[in-house]
């Protein structure tokens, strides 16, 4: 499999995971009856970390779509290796991919920490356990966090492919080139 096709496949799969995680969190609500006449609904807006998680996942999915379109246009229009053009594009791709990976990891980990407080509570801060009352909500958030971490791992692999594409421009003639069949 060509490295460009592998990167495109990983980006598409990461997009699907990011959108799945964002949809799982965004559309997850559960209403619980507190008293006979009072009910309370849990949504993603109750935790700011989940709100940011949804926003980051959608933004990163859009970034990956833009990357796929740009790479598709560049590969169809520029058949020859123009060192200056590709070198600048490789730098931009690498830096943006690095920023995206760190941002996704930070958002997913922050959402995980906030969710753990919802599961365990914090006695010293007088925070109650929320997941005792909203079990389906918490289970769905856990699934979304798993999708987020899986997408993070895929983006880490994509970033290593971007690094390979960048540093290939700085290597000796045949050092980092892949063998052609």
Protein backbone atom coordinates (compact mmCIF):
# COMPACT_ATOMS: atom_id res chain seq x y z
CA UNK A 1 0.00 0.00 0.00
CA UNK A 2 1.31 3.42 -0.94
CA UNK A 3 2.13 5.71 1.98
CA UNK A 4 -0.18 8.43 0.62
CA UNK A 5 -3.08 5.96 0.47
CA UNK A 6 -2.30 4.76 3.99
CA UNK A 7 -2.31 8.32 5.29
CA UNK A 8 -5.60 9.06 3.51
CA UNK A 9 -7.15 5.88 4.94
CA UNK A 10 -6.00 6.78 8.46
CA UNK A 11 -7.33 10.32 8.10
CA UNK A 12 -10.73 9.09 6.88
CA UNK A 13 -10.94 6.58 9.73
CA UNK A 14 -9.92 9.29 12.23
CA UNK A 15 -12.61 11.59 10.80
CA UNK A 16 -15.22 8.89 11.36
CA UNK A 17 -14.03 8.35 14.94
CA UNK A 18 -13.97 12.09 15.70
CA UNK A 19 -17.48 12.54 14.35
CA UNK A 20 -18.71 9.47 16.22
CA UNK A 21 -17.25 10.78 19.48
CA UNK A 22 -18.69 14.25 18.91
CA UNK A 23 -22.16 12.88 18.09
CA UNK A 24 -22.14 10.51 21.06
CA UNK A 25 -21.38 13.36 23.44
CA UNK A 26 -23.47 16.05 21.74
CA UNK A 27 -26.69 14.05 21.48
CA UNK A 28 -26.37 12.27 24.82
CA UNK A 29 -29.03 13.34 27.32
CA UNK A 30 -30.70 11.57 30.17
CA UNK A 31 -33.46 12.79 32.45
CA UNK A 32 -33.69 11.55 36.00
CA UNK A 33 -36.58 12.01 38.41
CA UNK A 34 -35.21 13.53 41.62
CA UNK A 35 -38.50 13.90 43.46
CA UNK A 36 -41.97 12.98 42.29
CA UNK A 37 -42.45 16.32 40.54
CA UNK A 38 -38.86 17.47 39.94
CA UNK A 39 -36.67 16.08 37.18
CA UNK A 40 -33.17 16.97 36.08
CA UNK A 41 -31.55 16.40 32.70
CA UNK A 42 -27.86 15.66 32.17
CA UNK A 43 -26.33 16.98 28.94
CA UNK A 44 -22.88 17.62 27.61
CA UNK A 45 -23.25 21.31 28.50
CA UNK A 46 -23.16 20.44 32.20
CA UNK A 47 -19.40 19.83 31.97
CA UNK A 48 -17.42 22.49 30.13
CA UNK A 49 -14.77 19.90 29.28
CA UNK A 50 -17.34 17.89 27.29
CA UNK A 51 -18.44 21.03 25.47
CA UNK A 52 -14.82 21.73 24.47
CA UNK A 53 -14.35 18.06 23.56
CA UNK A 54 -17.24 18.24 21.07
CA UNK A 55 -15.94 21.48 19.58
CA UNK A 56 -12.37 20.18 19.21
CA UNK A 57 -13.50 16.88 17.68
CA UNK A 58 -15.61 18.64 15.05
CA UNK A 59 -12.81 21.11 14.28
CA UNK A 60 -10.24 18.34 13.91
CA UNK A 61 -12.55 16.33 11.66
CA UNK A 62 -12.94 19.42 9.46
CA UNK A 63 -9.15 19.94 9.48
CA UNK A 64 -8.62 16.37 8.30
CA UNK A 65 -11.18 16.81 5.53
CA UNK A 66 -9.36 19.95 4.38
CA UNK A 67 -6.04 18.09 4.51
CA UNK A 68 -7.47 15.30 2.34
CA UNK A 69 -8.79 17.78 -0.21
CA UNK A 70 -5.52 19.72 -0.34
CA UNK A 71 -3.45 16.57 -0.67
CA UNK A 72 -5.74 15.28 -3.39
CA UNK A 73 -5.45 18.52 -5.34
CA UNK A 74 -1.69 18.71 -4.89
CA UNK A 75 -1.11 15.12 -5.96
CA UNK A 76 -3.27 15.47 -9.07
CA UNK A 77 -1.84 18.84 -10.22
CA UNK A 78 1.80 18.48 -9.22
CA UNK A 79 3.18 15.21 -10.54
CA UNK A 80 6.84 16.15 -10.31
CA UNK A 81 8.73 16.72 -7.07
CA UNK A 82 9.23 20.47 -6.84
CA UNK A 83 11.46 20.66 -3.78
CA UNK A 84 10.57 24.15 -2.58
CA UNK A 85 6.81 23.72 -2.90
CA UNK A 86 6.64 20.28 -1.37
CA UNK A 87 9.05 21.21 1.39
CA UNK A 88 6.86 24.12 2.51
CA UNK A 89 3.71 21.98 2.28
CA UNK A 90 5.44 19.21 4.23
CA UNK A 91 6.40 21.68 6.97
CA UNK A 92 2.86 23.08 7.18
CA UNK A 93 1.33 19.63 7.25
CA UNK A 94 3.72 18.43 9.93
CA UNK A 95 3.25 21.47 12.18
CA UNK A 96 -0.53 21.47 11.86
CA UNK A 97 -0.69 17.72 12.46
CA UNK A 98 1.46 18.11 15.57
CA UNK A 99 -0.76 20.90 16.90
CA UNK A 100 -3.89 18.86 16.20
CA UNK A 101 -2.55 15.76 17.95
CA UNK A 102 -1.63 17.70 21.08
CA UNK A 103 -4.94 19.56 21.08
CA UNK A 104 -6.94 16.34 20.70
CA UNK A 105 -4.97 14.64 23.47
CA UNK A 106 -5.48 17.61 25.79
CA UNK A 107 -9.21 17.88 25.10
CA UNK A 108 -9.82 14.15 25.45
CA UNK A 109 -7.80 13.87 28.64
CA UNK A 110 -9.54 16.91 30.13
CA UNK A 111 -12.92 15.38 29.32
CA UNK A 112 -11.78 12.11 30.89
CA UNK A 113 -10.69 13.83 34.11
CA UNK A 114 -13.96 15.76 34.33
CA UNK A 115 -15.89 12.56 33.68
CA UNK A 116 -13.98 10.76 36.41
CA UNK A 117 -15.14 13.43 38.85
CA UNK A 118 -18.67 12.68 37.69
CA UNK A 119 -18.10 8.98 38.37
CA UNK A 120 -16.33 9.22 41.72
CA UNK A 121 -17.37 12.61 43.03
CA UNK A 122 -15.13 14.77 45.21
CA UNK A 123 -15.98 14.78 48.89
CA UNK A 124 -13.76 17.74 49.82
CA UNK A 125 -15.37 19.98 47.20
CA UNK A 126 -18.89 18.68 47.93
CA UNK A 127 -19.32 17.29 44.42
CA UNK A 128 -21.76 14.39 44.26
CA UNK A 129 -21.40 11.26 42.19
CA UNK A 130 -23.43 11.98 39.08
CA UNK A 131 -23.13 8.62 37.36
CA UNK A 132 -25.20 6.90 40.05
CA UNK A 133 -28.26 8.74 38.73
CA UNK A 134 -27.31 8.96 35.04
CA UNK A 135 -25.78 5.58 34.19
CA UNK A 136 -26.70 5.51 30.49
CA UNK A 137 -25.38 9.04 30.05
CA UNK A 138 -22.06 8.16 31.67
CA UNK A 139 -21.72 4.93 29.70
CA UNK A 140 -22.24 6.77 26.43
CA UNK A 141 -19.70 9.44 27.43
CA UNK A 142 -17.22 6.64 28.19
CA UNK A 143 -17.74 5.20 24.71
CA UNK A 144 -17.18 8.64 23.21
CA UNK A 145 -13.94 9.01 25.16
CA UNK A 146 -12.76 5.63 23.86
CA UNK A 147 -13.49 6.82 20.31
CA UNK A 148 -11.59 10.02 21.06
CA UNK A 149 -8.51 8.16 22.26
CA UNK A 150 -8.63 5.78 19.29
CA UNK A 151 -8.79 8.79 16.96
CA UNK A 152 -5.89 10.34 18.87
CA UNK A 153 -3.79 7.23 18.27
CA UNK A 154 -4.63 7.30 14.56
CA UNK A 155 -3.67 10.96 14.39
CA UNK A 156 -0.37 10.16 16.14
CA UNK A 157 0.35 7.65 13.37
CA UNK A 158 -0.62 10.25 10.75
CA UNK A 159 1.76 12.71 12.40
CA UNK A 160 4.59 10.21 12.18
CA UNK A 161 3.81 9.78 8.48
CA UNK A 162 3.89 13.59 8.13
CA UNK A 163 7.26 13.63 9.89
CA UNK A 164 8.52 10.98 7.50
CA UNK A 165 7.29 13.05 4.55
CA UNK A 166 8.99 16.15 5.90
CA UNK A 167 12.34 14.69 6.87
CA UNK A 168 12.54 12.75 3.63
CA UNK A 169 13.27 16.10 1.96
CA UNK A 170 16.35 16.55 4.16
CA UNK A 171 17.84 13.08 3.80
CA UNK A 172 20.48 11.88 1.38
CA UNK A 173 19.24 10.83 -2.04
CA UNK A 174 18.18 7.23 -1.37
CA UNK A 175 18.15 7.06 2.44
CA UNK A 176 14.46 7.49 3.30
CA UNK A 177 12.92 6.66 -0.05
CA UNK A 178 10.56 3.72 -0.14
CA UNK A 179 11.31 0.87 -2.50
CA UNK A 180 9.25 0.85 -5.67
CA UNK A 181 7.94 -2.44 -7.01
